[in-house]
Every structure is written in C-alpha cells, then in structure tokens.
Amino acid sequence: MAVKLVYDPSSSRAMRYACGVSGSGSNYEKIYGRAPETPHVVFSNASECPGVVKARNNRVPVVSLDSTRYFREMWGLDNIPRHGVERNSYDMAIMTLVEQTLNGRPDLICLAGYDLWIGDWMVHRYYPKILNVHPGDARKYIGLGWRPTAKAILAEEESVKSTVFFVDESDDGGPILIQSASVPLSRWDSELQDIRRFAERTNTRTLKDFREAAEKEGNTLYKSLEQVSTTIQETLKVEGDWRIYPFAVHDLIAKGRVALDDGKTIYIDGVRMPQEGWQVDQFGFADCIR
C-alpha cells in the first residue's frame, strides 16, 4: 500500500494548522505554547468561550460561527444533528472561513475541546489531517468526560492513559497516533476502596450495571465514582493530554515523521506502529525511534 506523509516539511512553506475550541482552550494553549510562531487559526462554535479569548489575546486569527444559533435559525433545529445536510452545511460554512483566513487548506486540524461531532463532509475533505484527544485508552473505553476513566476502574485496570488519534467516520475509533504515559490508579486507592468493594460484591463491571446496583441499594457510590473519575481525569489531562498533544503536532507531524498507508496503518520515523500507536511508556518523547 502507498504510504504518505501527513505533512511534508520539504514543502515550500511552514505547516499551517487550524485549532477548534469550544471551552477553556487548555489543550489549544499547550499546542500554541510549544511553537507560538507556527501559523494557525482558531475556529469555534462558541464565539465567547475562554479558548477564543486566549487566542485573541495572543493576536491569533479567530473565526467563529455560533452553532446553536446557526442550527436554530438556519434549520429550525434545537438539537444539533450528527449526520446529514444540516450538519455538513455548518462544517462547510466554518471551514470556508478557516480556509479563507489561511488562504488555503490547513495542513492539520486539531480539535482541542471542540464540542461538535465532525460530520462526514469534513472527514472526507481533510482525512487524515484531523486530530483529536481522548481522555482514556481509545481502543477500550469510549465516552465523554469522566466516563472512560470510570469504565477503566470498573474493568479493574491498573492505570489509565490518554490518546491522540486521527478522526475518521467512526466514534473516536480512528487510527491512534500516540498514547500518554500510564497514570497508576493506585494513587487513588483510598478513594476507590469502597467503589471497588461494591463492584466486586455486586459483580458490576459496566457503568450501567454499577449505577443500577447503587440505585437499588440506595447508596451514593455512583456519584462517588463520578467524582473520583473526574479528579483522575484532571490529573490525566495534565500528565497526558497536555504532553502528548503538542508533541504530536509539533514534534511528530510538523517534522514529517508521521505517515499513513491506505489501510490506516501509521508509520513514525518509517517504523510501522501497532494499533495503540506511539507509546510514551516505551519511547518517551524521543527525537527518533529508528
């Protein structure tokens, strides 16, 4: 199969990226901070979110299109659809603004807390140039927020890690580029003690079963699971997301180290990666692995 670089640094210009934000912009801040001179634009579906404010304070071009207002006024919809002409029309509108601002297509799109699902049109136009970060091992535990961590706890994992992956048509199932160093769950043994005992006693290994068992007994352990998982996720953000996302953008892709074949297999430094991608536990943040 043909293998092609995601970005070729031998081209006549520096890599240009677009970064999507909807909330705090903390991941964007880390990506920007690694290489502030790299040309880029920030786009958002929430024009006054903190991430947009951060970009404007850095004098970075920003384009925004209020998704709630767009879907309500353009299509008369209160809920944003995942697929179809309505969803694609929004992506086409905001990415037209992005391309006009960059005077061409971005070489990379980084979703950094962007709270809209990417529609089919956008995937087909830009794949494999869209990155996202997942707060867990994307091979095993999907879901938003604290849920991947909670699922790992109930599955009796010893650690958790975050994942940067290429966005395709699936739900967070695209090819994995890199996974962070493992964060041991033993750090929270005391907070997890009652949760683990209850899960073992009731033989509950899924969130649904755990919630139903907790409700049946009238205890607050499901809420406790949410709280400790949220705390762990915040640690994982600092030790995982904030380290691997800037490294993936500026030290792997921008340097021409990442390629994909037609079968969505990733190569880094010419080395074929396993399905779990570059493992920080194994390679650290090395300049080369050949």
C-alpha atoms as a PDB file:
ATOM      1  CA  MET A   1       0.000   0.000   0.000  1.00  0.00           C
ATOM      2  CA  ALA A   2       1.090   3.568  -0.649  1.00  0.00           C
ATOM      3  CA  VAL A   3       2.481   5.358   2.391  1.00  0.00           C
ATOM      4  CA  LYS A   4       2.082   9.140   2.510  1.00  0.00           C
ATOM      5  CA  LEU A   5       3.289  11.743   4.979  1.00  0.00           C
ATOM      6  CA  VAL A   6       0.590  13.616   6.863  1.00  0.00           C
ATOM      7  CA  TYR A   7       2.711  16.734   6.377  1.00  0.00           C
ATOM      8  CA  ASP A   8       5.873  17.028   4.290  1.00  0.00           C
ATOM      9  CA  PRO A   9       8.271  19.637   5.737  1.00  0.00           C
ATOM     10  CA  SER A  10      10.151  19.796   2.448  1.00  0.00           C
ATOM     11  CA  SER A  11       7.244  21.782   1.003  1.00  0.00           C
ATOM     12  CA  SER A  12       7.782  25.432   0.215  1.00  0.00           C
ATOM     13  CA  ARG A  13       6.084  26.772   3.345  1.00  0.00           C
ATOM     14  CA  ALA A  14       5.754  26.064   7.051  1.00  0.00           C
ATOM     15  CA  MET A  15       2.938  23.876   8.339  1.00  0.00           C
ATOM     16  CA  ARG A  16      -0.303  25.748   8.949  1.00  0.00           C
ATOM     17  CA  TYR A  17      -2.869  24.365  11.333  1.00  0.00           C
ATOM     18  CA  ALA A  18      -6.403  25.163  12.491  1.00  0.00           C
ATOM     19  CA  CYS A  19      -7.456  24.537  16.079  1.00  0.00           C
ATOM     20  CA  GLY A  20     -11.078  24.037  17.125  1.00  0.00           C
ATOM     21  CA  VAL A  21     -12.136  25.140  20.608  1.00  0.00           C
ATOM     22  CA  SER A  22     -15.438  25.349  22.472  1.00  0.00           C
ATOM     23  CA  GLY A  23     -14.443  25.715  26.107  1.00  0.00           C
ATOM     24  CA  SER A  24     -11.410  26.585  28.213  1.00  0.00           C
ATOM     25  CA  GLY A  25      -8.913  26.147  25.395  1.00  0.00           C
ATOM     26  CA  SER A  26      -6.375  24.479  27.693  1.00  0.00           C
ATOM     27  CA  ASN A  27      -5.274  21.950  25.079  1.00  0.00           C
ATOM     28  CA  TYR A  28      -5.002  24.707  22.486  1.00  0.00           C
ATOM     29  CA  GLU A  29      -2.925  26.751  24.919  1.00  0.00           C
ATOM     30  CA  LYS A  30      -0.425  23.885  25.228  1.00  0.00           C
ATOM     31  CA  ILE A  31      -0.287  23.333  21.455  1.00  0.00           C
ATOM     32  CA  TYR A  32       0.246  27.041  20.866  1.00  0.00           C
ATOM     33  CA  GLY A  33       2.821  27.358  23.627  1.00  0.00           C
ATOM     34  CA  ARG A  34       5.064  24.658  22.163  1.00  0.00           C
ATOM     35  CA  ALA A  35       5.592  26.679  18.953  1.00  0.00           C
ATOM     36  CA  PRO A  36       3.917  30.116  19.031  1.00  0.00           C
ATOM     37  CA  GLU A  37       5.456  31.084  15.695  1.00  0.00           C
ATOM     38  CA  THR A  38       3.654  28.315  13.768  1.00  0.00           C
ATOM     39  CA  PRO A  39       0.978  29.888  11.519  1.00  0.00           C
ATOM     40  CA  HIS A  40      -2.523  28.909  12.569  1.00  0.00           C
ATOM     41  CA  VAL A  41      -6.103  29.983  13.025  1.00  0.00           C
ATOM     42  CA  VAL A  42      -8.543  29.172  15.832  1.00  0.00           C
ATOM     43  CA  PHE A  43     -12.140  28.303  14.975  1.00  0.00           C
ATOM     44  CA  SER A  44     -15.036  27.937  17.362  1.00  0.00           C
ATOM     45  CA  ASN A  45     -18.738  27.206  17.575  1.00  0.00           C
ATOM     46  CA  ALA A  46     -18.888  29.304  20.780  1.00  0.00           C
ATOM     47  CA  SER A  47     -17.653  32.791  19.957  1.00  0.00           C
ATOM     48  CA  GLU A  48     -17.058  34.000  23.514  1.00  0.00           C
ATOM     49  CA  CYS A  49     -15.586  30.884  25.084  1.00  0.00           C
ATOM     50  CA  PRO A  50     -12.321  31.206  27.066  1.00  0.00           C
ATOM     51  CA  GLY A  51     -10.381  29.419  24.335  1.00  0.00           C
ATOM     52  CA  VAL A  52     -11.334  32.121  21.845  1.00  0.00           C
ATOM     53  CA  VAL A  53     -10.372  34.814  24.340  1.00  0.00           C
ATOM     54  CA  LYS A  54      -6.945  33.196  24.781  1.00  0.00           C
ATOM     55  CA  ALA A  55      -6.375  33.118  21.032  1.00  0.00           C
ATOM     56  CA  ARG A  56      -7.371  36.773  20.634  1.00  0.00           C
ATOM     57  CA  ASN A  57      -5.064  37.754  23.498  1.00  0.00           C
ATOM     58  CA  ASN A  58      -2.264  36.012  21.585  1.00  0.00           C
ATOM     59  CA  ARG A  59      -3.229  38.018  18.475  1.00  0.00           C
ATOM     60  CA  VAL A  60      -4.131  34.809  16.661  1.00  0.00           C
ATOM     61  CA  PRO A  61      -6.793  34.961  13.905  1.00  0.00           C
ATOM     62  CA  VAL A  62     -10.151  33.621  15.106  1.00  0.00           C
ATOM     63  CA  VAL A  63     -13.224  32.606  13.116  1.00  0.00           C
ATOM     64  CA  SER A  64     -16.445  31.655  14.859  1.00  0.00           C
ATOM     65  CA  LEU A  65     -19.928  30.558  13.951  1.00  0.00           C
ATOM     66  CA  ASP A  66     -22.398  30.094  16.805  1.00  0.00           C
ATOM     67  CA  SER A  67     -23.622  26.541  16.304  1.00  0.00           C
ATOM     68  CA  THR A  68     -26.705  26.859  18.499  1.00  0.00           C
ATOM     69  CA  ARG A  69     -27.876  29.949  16.664  1.00  0.00           C
ATOM     70  CA  TYR A  70     -26.900  28.511  13.264  1.00  0.00           C
ATOM     71  CA  PHE A  71     -28.910  25.329  13.645  1.00  0.00           C
ATOM     72  CA  ARG A  72     -31.887  27.058  15.214  1.00  0.00           C
ATOM     73  CA  GLU A  73     -32.116  29.926  12.722  1.00  0.00           C
ATOM     74  CA  MET A  74     -30.861  28.124   9.621  1.00  0.00           C
ATOM     75  CA  TRP A  75     -32.651  24.827  10.084  1.00  0.00           C
ATOM     76  CA  GLY A  76     -35.123  25.344  12.913  1.00  0.00           C
ATOM     77  CA  LEU A  77     -33.447  22.644  14.984  1.00  0.00           C
ATOM     78  CA  ASP A  78     -32.862  22.714  18.720  1.00  0.00           C
ATOM     79  CA  ASN A  79     -30.631  19.621  18.654  1.00  0.00           C
ATOM     80  CA  ILE A  80     -27.519  19.544  16.521  1.00  0.00           C
ATOM     81  CA  PRO A  81     -27.623  16.579  14.115  1.00  0.00           C
ATOM     82  CA  ARG A  82     -24.607  14.302  13.740  1.00  0.00           C
ATOM     83  CA  HIS A  83     -25.042  13.485  10.056  1.00  0.00           C
ATOM     84  CA  GLY A  84     -26.836  14.812   7.016  1.00  0.00           C
ATOM     85  CA  VAL A  85     -27.057  18.018   5.035  1.00  0.00           C
ATOM     86  CA  GLU A  86     -27.700  20.194   8.105  1.00  0.00           C
ATOM     87  CA  ARG A  87     -24.510  19.051   9.815  1.00  0.00           C
ATOM     88  CA  ASN A  88     -22.400  19.235   6.672  1.00  0.00           C
ATOM     89  CA  SER A  89     -23.634  22.729   5.860  1.00  0.00           C
ATOM     90  CA  TYR A  90     -22.297  24.007   9.186  1.00  0.00           C
ATOM     91  CA  ASP A  91     -18.892  22.375   8.677  1.00  0.00           C
ATOM     92  CA  MET A  92     -18.696  23.766   5.150  1.00  0.00           C
ATOM     93  CA  ALA A  93     -19.533  27.257   6.395  1.00  0.00           C
ATOM     94  CA  ILE A  94     -16.987  27.396   9.222  1.00  0.00           C
ATOM     95  CA  MET A  95     -14.224  25.668   7.256  1.00  0.00           C
ATOM     96  CA  THR A  96     -14.731  28.096   4.377  1.00  0.00           C
ATOM     97  CA  LEU A  97     -13.914  30.848   6.869  1.00  0.00           C
ATOM     98  CA  VAL A  98     -10.873  28.886   8.058  1.00  0.00           C
ATOM     99  CA  GLU A  99      -9.565  28.373   4.530  1.00  0.00           C
ATOM    100  CA  GLN A 100     -10.158  31.997   3.595  1.00  0.00           C
ATOM    101  CA  THR A 101      -8.211  33.115   6.665  1.00  0.00           C
ATOM    102  CA  LEU A 102      -5.309  30.750   5.907  1.00  0.00           C
ATOM    103  CA  ASN A 103      -5.508  31.385   2.165  1.00  0.00           C
ATOM    104  CA  GLY A 104      -5.785  27.650   1.572  1.00  0.00           C
ATOM    105  CA  ARG A 105      -6.450  24.374   3.308  1.00  0.00           C
ATOM    106  CA  PRO A 106      -4.906  23.792   6.726  1.00  0.00           C
ATOM    107  CA  ASP A 107      -2.164  21.169   6.823  1.00  0.00           C
ATOM    108  CA  LEU A 108      -3.591  19.923  10.110  1.00  0.00           C
ATOM    109  CA  ILE A 109      -6.779  20.393  12.126  1.00  0.00           C
ATOM    110  CA  CYS A 110      -6.548  19.987  15.899  1.00  0.00           C
ATOM    111  CA  LEU A 111      -9.769  19.502  17.837  1.00  0.00           C
ATOM    112  CA  ALA A 112      -8.986  20.839  21.292  1.00  0.00           C
ATOM    113  CA  GLY A 113     -12.135  20.634  23.366  1.00  0.00           C
ATOM    114  CA  TYR A 114     -14.302  21.239  20.286  1.00  0.00           C
ATOM    115  CA  ASP A 115     -17.727  20.042  21.378  1.00  0.00           C
ATOM    116  CA  LEU A 116     -19.301  19.256  17.998  1.00  0.00           C
ATOM    117  CA  TRP A 117     -19.099  15.887  16.291  1.00  0.00           C
ATOM    118  CA  ILE A 118     -17.320  16.162  12.964  1.00  0.00           C
ATOM    119  CA  GLY A 119     -19.622  15.407  10.037  1.00  0.00           C
ATOM    120  CA  ASP A 120     -18.926  13.210   7.025  1.00  0.00           C
ATOM    121  CA  TRP A 121     -18.124  16.099   4.691  1.00  0.00           C
ATOM    122  CA  MET A 122     -15.345  17.360   6.929  1.00  0.00           C
ATOM    123  CA  VAL A 123     -13.817  13.907   7.391  1.00  0.00           C
ATOM    124  CA  HIS A 124     -13.853  13.217   3.647  1.00  0.00           C
ATOM    125  CA  ARG A 125     -12.328  16.600   2.830  1.00  0.00           C
ATOM    126  CA  TYR A 126      -9.470  16.548   5.339  1.00  0.00           C
ATOM    127  CA  TYR A 127      -8.697  12.968   6.433  1.00  0.00           C
ATOM    128  CA  PRO A 128      -6.059  12.117   7.638  1.00  0.00           C
ATOM    129  CA  LYS A 129      -5.363  15.644   8.795  1.00  0.00           C
ATOM    130  CA  ILE A 130      -7.782  15.926  11.743  1.00  0.00           C
ATOM    131  CA  LEU A 131      -6.510  15.151  15.241  1.00  0.00           C
ATOM    132  CA  ASN A 132      -8.420  14.773  18.467  1.00  0.00           C
ATOM    133  CA  VAL A 133      -7.541  13.802  22.023  1.00  0.00           C
ATOM    134  CA  HIS A 134      -9.485  11.273  24.101  1.00  0.00           C
ATOM    135  CA  PRO A 135      -9.352  11.119  27.925  1.00  0.00           C
ATOM    136  CA  GLY A 136      -8.685   7.396  28.019  1.00  0.00           C
ATOM    137  CA  ASP A 137      -7.447   4.400  26.050  1.00  0.00           C
ATOM    138  CA  ALA A 138      -9.451   4.874  22.858  1.00  0.00           C
ATOM    139  CA  ARG A 139      -9.097   1.191  21.958  1.00  0.00           C
ATOM    140  CA  LYS A 140     -11.093   0.154  25.012  1.00  0.00           C
ATOM    141  CA  TYR A 141     -13.095   2.935  26.634  1.00  0.00           C
ATOM    142  CA  ILE A 142     -15.151   5.464  24.711  1.00  0.00           C
ATOM    143  CA  GLY A 143     -17.411   8.173  26.097  1.00  0.00           C
ATOM    144  CA  LEU A 144     -17.214  11.772  27.199  1.00  0.00           C
ATOM    145  CA  GLY A 145     -15.709  13.415  30.252  1.00  0.00           C
ATOM    146  CA  TRP A 146     -15.106  11.193  33.263  1.00  0.00           C
ATOM    147  CA  ARG A 147     -16.709   8.067  31.792  1.00  0.00           C
ATOM    148  CA  PRO A 148     -13.654   6.451  30.141  1.00  0.00           C
ATOM    149  CA  THR A 149     -11.816   6.613  33.473  1.00  0.00           C
ATOM    150  CA  ALA A 150     -14.806   5.152  35.342  1.00  0.00           C
ATOM    151  CA  LYS A 151     -15.028   2.315  32.826  1.00  0.00           C
ATOM    152  CA  ALA A 152     -11.328   1.559  33.311  1.00  0.00           C
ATOM    153  CA  ILE A 153     -11.810   1.483  37.090  1.00  0.00           C
ATOM    154  CA  LEU A 154     -14.723  -0.953  36.848  1.00  0.00           C
ATOM    155  CA  ALA A 155     -12.718  -3.108  34.430  1.00  0.00           C
ATOM    156  CA  GLU A 156     -10.048  -3.384  37.137  1.00  0.00           C
ATOM    157  CA  GLU A 157      -7.349  -1.649  35.107  1.00  0.00           C
ATOM    158  CA  GLU A 158      -4.186  -0.760  36.997  1.00  0.00           C
ATOM    159  CA  SER A 159      -3.665   2.534  35.148  1.00  0.00           C
ATOM    160  CA  VAL A 160      -5.198   4.958  32.670  1.00  0.00           C
ATOM    161  CA  LYS A 161      -3.751   6.857  29.719  1.00  0.00           C
ATOM    162  CA  SER A 162      -4.926   9.425  27.155  1.00  0.00           C
ATOM    163  CA  THR A 163      -4.929   9.069  23.374  1.00  0.00           C
ATOM    164  CA  VAL A 164      -4.345  11.339  20.378  1.00  0.00           C
ATOM    165  CA  PHE A 165      -5.892   9.877  17.237  1.00  0.00           C
ATOM    166  CA  PHE A 166      -6.805  10.731  13.657  1.00  0.00           C
ATOM    167  CA  VAL A 167     -10.515  11.443  13.246  1.00  0.00           C
ATOM    168  CA  ASP A 168     -12.376   9.276  10.749  1.00  0.00           C
ATOM    169  CA  GLU A 169     -16.055   8.391  10.293  1.00  0.00           C
ATOM    170  CA  SER A 170     -16.173   6.321  13.496  1.00  0.00           C
ATOM    171  CA  ASP A 171     -16.880   7.400  17.080  1.00  0.00           C
ATOM    172  CA  ASP A 172     -13.352   8.058  18.395  1.00  0.00           C
ATOM    173  CA  GLY A 173     -12.171   4.929  16.603  1.00  0.00           C
ATOM    174  CA  GLY A 174      -9.722   6.426  14.118  1.00  0.00           C
ATOM    175  CA  PRO A 175      -6.059   5.376  13.860  1.00  0.00           C
ATOM    176  CA  ILE A 176      -4.176   6.038  17.090  1.00  0.00           C
ATOM    177  CA  LEU A 177      -1.115   8.258  16.797  1.00  0.00           C
ATOM    178  CA  ILE A 178       0.135   8.342  20.389  1.00  0.00           C
ATOM    179  CA  GLN A 179      -0.827   7.331  23.916  1.00  0.00           C
ATOM    180  CA  SER A 180       0.437   9.018  27.055  1.00  0.00           C
ATOM    181  CA  ALA A 181       2.451   7.556  29.879  1.00  0.00           C
ATOM    182  CA  SER A 182       0.327   5.399  32.168  1.00  0.00           C
ATOM    183  CA  VAL A 183      -1.127   7.091  35.250  1.00  0.00           C
ATOM    184  CA  PRO A 184      -1.365   4.477  38.050  1.00  0.00           C
ATOM    185  CA  LEU A 185      -4.778   4.205  39.671  1.00  0.00           C
ATOM    186  CA  SER A 186      -3.032   3.161  42.879  1.00  0.00           C
ATOM    187  CA  ARG A 187      -2.659   6.879  43.633  1.00  0.00           C
ATOM    188  CA  TRP A 188      -6.365   6.882  44.458  1.00  0.00           C
ATOM    189  CA  ASP A 189      -6.571   3.567  46.320  1.00  0.00           C
ATOM    190  CA  SER A 190      -8.209   5.105  49.367  1.00  0.00           C
ATOM    191  CA  GLU A 191     -10.873   6.945  47.338  1.00  0.00           C
ATOM    192  CA  LEU A 192     -11.569   3.839  45.256  1.00  0.00           C
ATOM    193  CA  GLN A 193     -11.709   1.341  48.122  1.00  0.00           C
ATOM    194  CA  ASP A 194     -15.484   1.372  48.711  1.00  0.00           C
ATOM    195  CA  ILE A 195     -16.223   1.590  44.992  1.00  0.00           C
ATOM    196  CA  ARG A 196     -14.093  -1.464  44.232  1.00  0.00           C
ATOM    197  CA  ARG A 197     -15.575  -3.455  47.093  1.00  0.00           C
ATOM    198  CA  PHE A 198     -19.117  -2.668  45.953  1.00  0.00           C
ATOM    199  CA  ALA A 199     -18.319  -3.547  42.317  1.00  0.00           C
ATOM    200  CA  GLU A 200     -16.819  -6.858  43.422  1.00  0.00           C
ATOM    201  CA  ARG A 201     -19.684  -7.715  45.769  1.00  0.00           C
ATOM    202  CA  THR A 202     -22.352  -6.929  43.167  1.00  0.00           C
ATOM    203  CA  ASN A 203     -20.297  -8.209  40.216  1.00  0.00           C
ATOM    204  CA  THR A 204     -20.864  -4.958  38.319  1.00  0.00           C
ATOM    205  CA  ARG A 205     -18.275  -4.186  35.627  1.00  0.00           C
ATOM    206  CA  THR A 206     -20.126  -1.655  33.477  1.00  0.00           C
ATOM    207  CA  LEU A 207     -21.293   1.875  34.281  1.00  0.00           C
ATOM    208  CA  LYS A 208     -24.905   0.939  33.615  1.00  0.00           C
ATOM    209  CA  ASP A 209     -24.823  -2.064  35.938  1.00  0.00           C
ATOM    210  CA  PHE A 210     -22.945  -0.147  38.631  1.00  0.00           C
ATOM    211  CA  ARG A 211     -25.434   2.735  38.555  1.00  0.00           C
ATOM    212  CA  GLU A 212     -28.416   0.399  38.730  1.00  0.00           C
ATOM    213  CA  ALA A 213     -26.896  -1.576  41.610  1.00  0.00           C
ATOM    214  CA  ALA A 214     -26.099   1.615  43.543  1.00  0.00           C
ATOM    215  CA  GLU A 215     -29.614   2.962  42.989  1.00  0.00           C
ATOM    216  CA  LYS A 216     -31.131  -0.337  44.083  1.00  0.00           C
ATOM    217  CA  GLU A 217     -29.234  -0.231  47.385  1.00  0.00           C
ATOM    218  CA  GLY A 218     -29.842   3.495  47.784  1.00  0.00           C
ATOM    219  CA  ASN A 219     -26.173   4.447  48.208  1.00  0.00           C
ATOM    220  CA  THR A 220     -24.146   7.291  46.690  1.00  0.00           C
ATOM    221  CA  LEU A 221     -21.307   5.233  45.246  1.00  0.00           C
ATOM    222  CA  TYR A 222     -22.175   6.056  41.627  1.00  0.00           C
ATOM    223  CA  LYS A 223     -21.762   9.731  42.462  1.00  0.00           C
ATOM    224  CA  SER A 224     -18.517   8.896  44.258  1.00  0.00           C
ATOM    225  CA  LEU A 225     -17.315   7.073  41.142  1.00  0.00           C
ATOM    226  CA  GLU A 226     -18.082  10.144  39.036  1.00  0.00           C
ATOM    227  CA  GLN A 227     -16.254  12.428  41.443  1.00  0.00           C
ATOM    228  CA  VAL A 228     -13.066  10.383  41.738  1.00  0.00           C
ATOM    229  CA  SER A 229     -13.053   9.702  37.987  1.00  0.00           C
ATOM    230  CA  THR A 230     -13.295  13.441  37.357  1.00  0.00           C
ATOM    231  CA  THR A 231     -10.328  14.026  39.680  1.00  0.00           C
ATOM    232  CA  ILE A 232      -8.299  11.339  37.907  1.00  0.00           C
ATOM    233  CA  GLN A 233      -9.225  12.794  34.538  1.00  0.00           C
ATOM    234  CA  GLU A 234      -7.879  16.196  35.581  1.00  0.00           C
ATOM    235  CA  THR A 235      -4.575  14.557  36.505  1.00  0.00           C
ATOM    236  CA  LEU A 236      -4.581  12.663  33.212  1.00  0.00           C
ATOM    237  CA  LYS A 237      -5.134  15.931  31.362  1.00  0.00           C
ATOM    238  CA  VAL A 238      -2.019  17.445  32.919  1.00  0.00           C
ATOM    239  CA  GLU A 239       0.206  14.370  32.699  1.00  0.00           C
ATOM    240  CA  GLY A 240      -1.285  13.022  29.474  1.00  0.00           C
ATOM    241  CA  ASP A 241      -3.176  15.336  27.108  1.00  0.00           C
ATOM    242  CA  TRP A 242      -1.055  18.415  27.681  1.00  0.00           C
ATOM    243  CA  ARG A 243       2.144  16.490  26.942  1.00  0.00           C
ATOM    244  CA  ILE A 244       1.216  14.271  24.035  1.00  0.00           C
ATOM    245  CA  TYR A 245      -0.921  16.698  22.003  1.00  0.00           C
ATOM    246  CA  PRO A 246       1.778  19.378  21.497  1.00  0.00           C
ATOM    247  CA  PHE A 247       4.351  16.634  20.882  1.00  0.00           C
ATOM    248  CA  ALA A 248       2.110  15.009  18.248  1.00  0.00           C
ATOM    249  CA  VAL A 249       1.550  18.303  16.427  1.00  0.00           C
ATOM    250  CA  HIS A 250       4.975  19.937  16.535  1.00  0.00           C
ATOM    251  CA  ASP A 251       7.481  17.129  17.143  1.00  0.00           C
ATOM    252  CA  LEU A 252       5.913  14.358  15.096  1.00  0.00           C
ATOM    253  CA  ILE A 253       3.676  15.700  12.320  1.00  0.00           C
ATOM    254  CA  ALA A 254       5.292  19.113  11.678  1.00  0.00           C
ATOM    255  CA  LYS A 255       8.701  17.429  11.378  1.00  0.00           C
ATOM    256  CA  GLY A 256       7.458  14.992   8.764  1.00  0.00           C
ATOM    257  CA  ARG A 257       7.787  11.942  10.967  1.00  0.00           C
ATOM    258  CA  VAL A 258       4.214  10.618  10.559  1.00  0.00           C
ATOM    259  CA  ALA A 259       2.822   8.751   7.558  1.00  0.00           C
ATOM    260  CA  LEU A 260      -0.245   6.598   6.897  1.00  0.00           C
ATOM    261  CA  ASP A 261      -0.967   3.935   4.319  1.00  0.00           C
ATOM    262  CA  ASP A 262      -4.279   3.281   2.605  1.00  0.00           C
ATOM    263  CA  GLY A 263      -5.187   0.774   5.294  1.00  0.00           C
ATOM    264  CA  LYS A 264      -4.873   3.441   8.011  1.00  0.00           C
ATOM    265  CA  THR A 265      -1.688   1.982   9.455  1.00  0.00           C
ATOM    266  CA  ILE A 266       0.576   4.630  10.990  1.00  0.00           C
ATOM    267  CA  TYR A 267       4.323   4.845  10.439  1.00  0.00           C
ATOM    268  CA  ILE A 268       6.576   7.038  12.586  1.00  0.00           C
ATOM    269  CA  ASP A 269      10.191   7.535  11.539  1.00  0.00           C
ATOM    270  CA  GLY A 270       9.497   4.804   8.976  1.00  0.00           C
ATOM    271  CA  VAL A 271       8.594   2.320  11.713  1.00  0.00           C
ATOM    272  CA  ARG A 272       5.195   0.646  11.497  1.00  0.00           C
ATOM    273  CA  MET A 273       3.231   1.390  14.648  1.00  0.00           C
ATOM    274  CA  PRO A 274       0.991  -1.112  16.450  1.00  0.00           C
ATOM    275  CA  GLN A 275      -2.718  -0.338  16.785  1.00  0.00           C
ATOM    276  CA  GLU A 276      -2.065   1.507  20.047  1.00  0.00           C
ATOM    277  CA  GLY A 277       0.341   3.906  18.330  1.00  0.00           C
ATOM    278  CA  TRP A 278       3.426   5.519  19.824  1.00  0.00           C
ATOM    279  CA  GLN A 279       3.641   4.562  23.494  1.00  0.00           C
ATOM    280  CA  VAL A 280       5.210   7.140  25.764  1.00  0.00           C
ATOM    281  CA  ASP A 281       5.761   4.331  28.278  1.00  0.00           C
ATOM    282  CA  GLN A 282       8.097   2.759  25.688  1.00  0.00           C
ATOM    283  CA  PHE A 283       9.538   5.576  23.571  1.00  0.00           C
ATOM    284  CA  GLY A 284       9.220   8.606  25.829  1.00  0.00           C
ATOM    285  CA  PHE A 285       9.408  11.774  23.722  1.00  0.00           C
ATOM    286  CA  ALA A 286      12.332  10.665  21.584  1.00  0.00           C
ATOM    287  CA  ASP A 287      13.588  12.609  18.569  1.00  0.00           C
ATOM    288  CA  CYS A 288      13.769   9.379  16.557  1.00  0.00           C
ATOM    289  CA  ILE A 289      12.969   5.710  17.180  1.00  0.00           C
ATOM    290  CA  ARG A 290      14.932   4.127  14.313  1.00  0.00           C
END
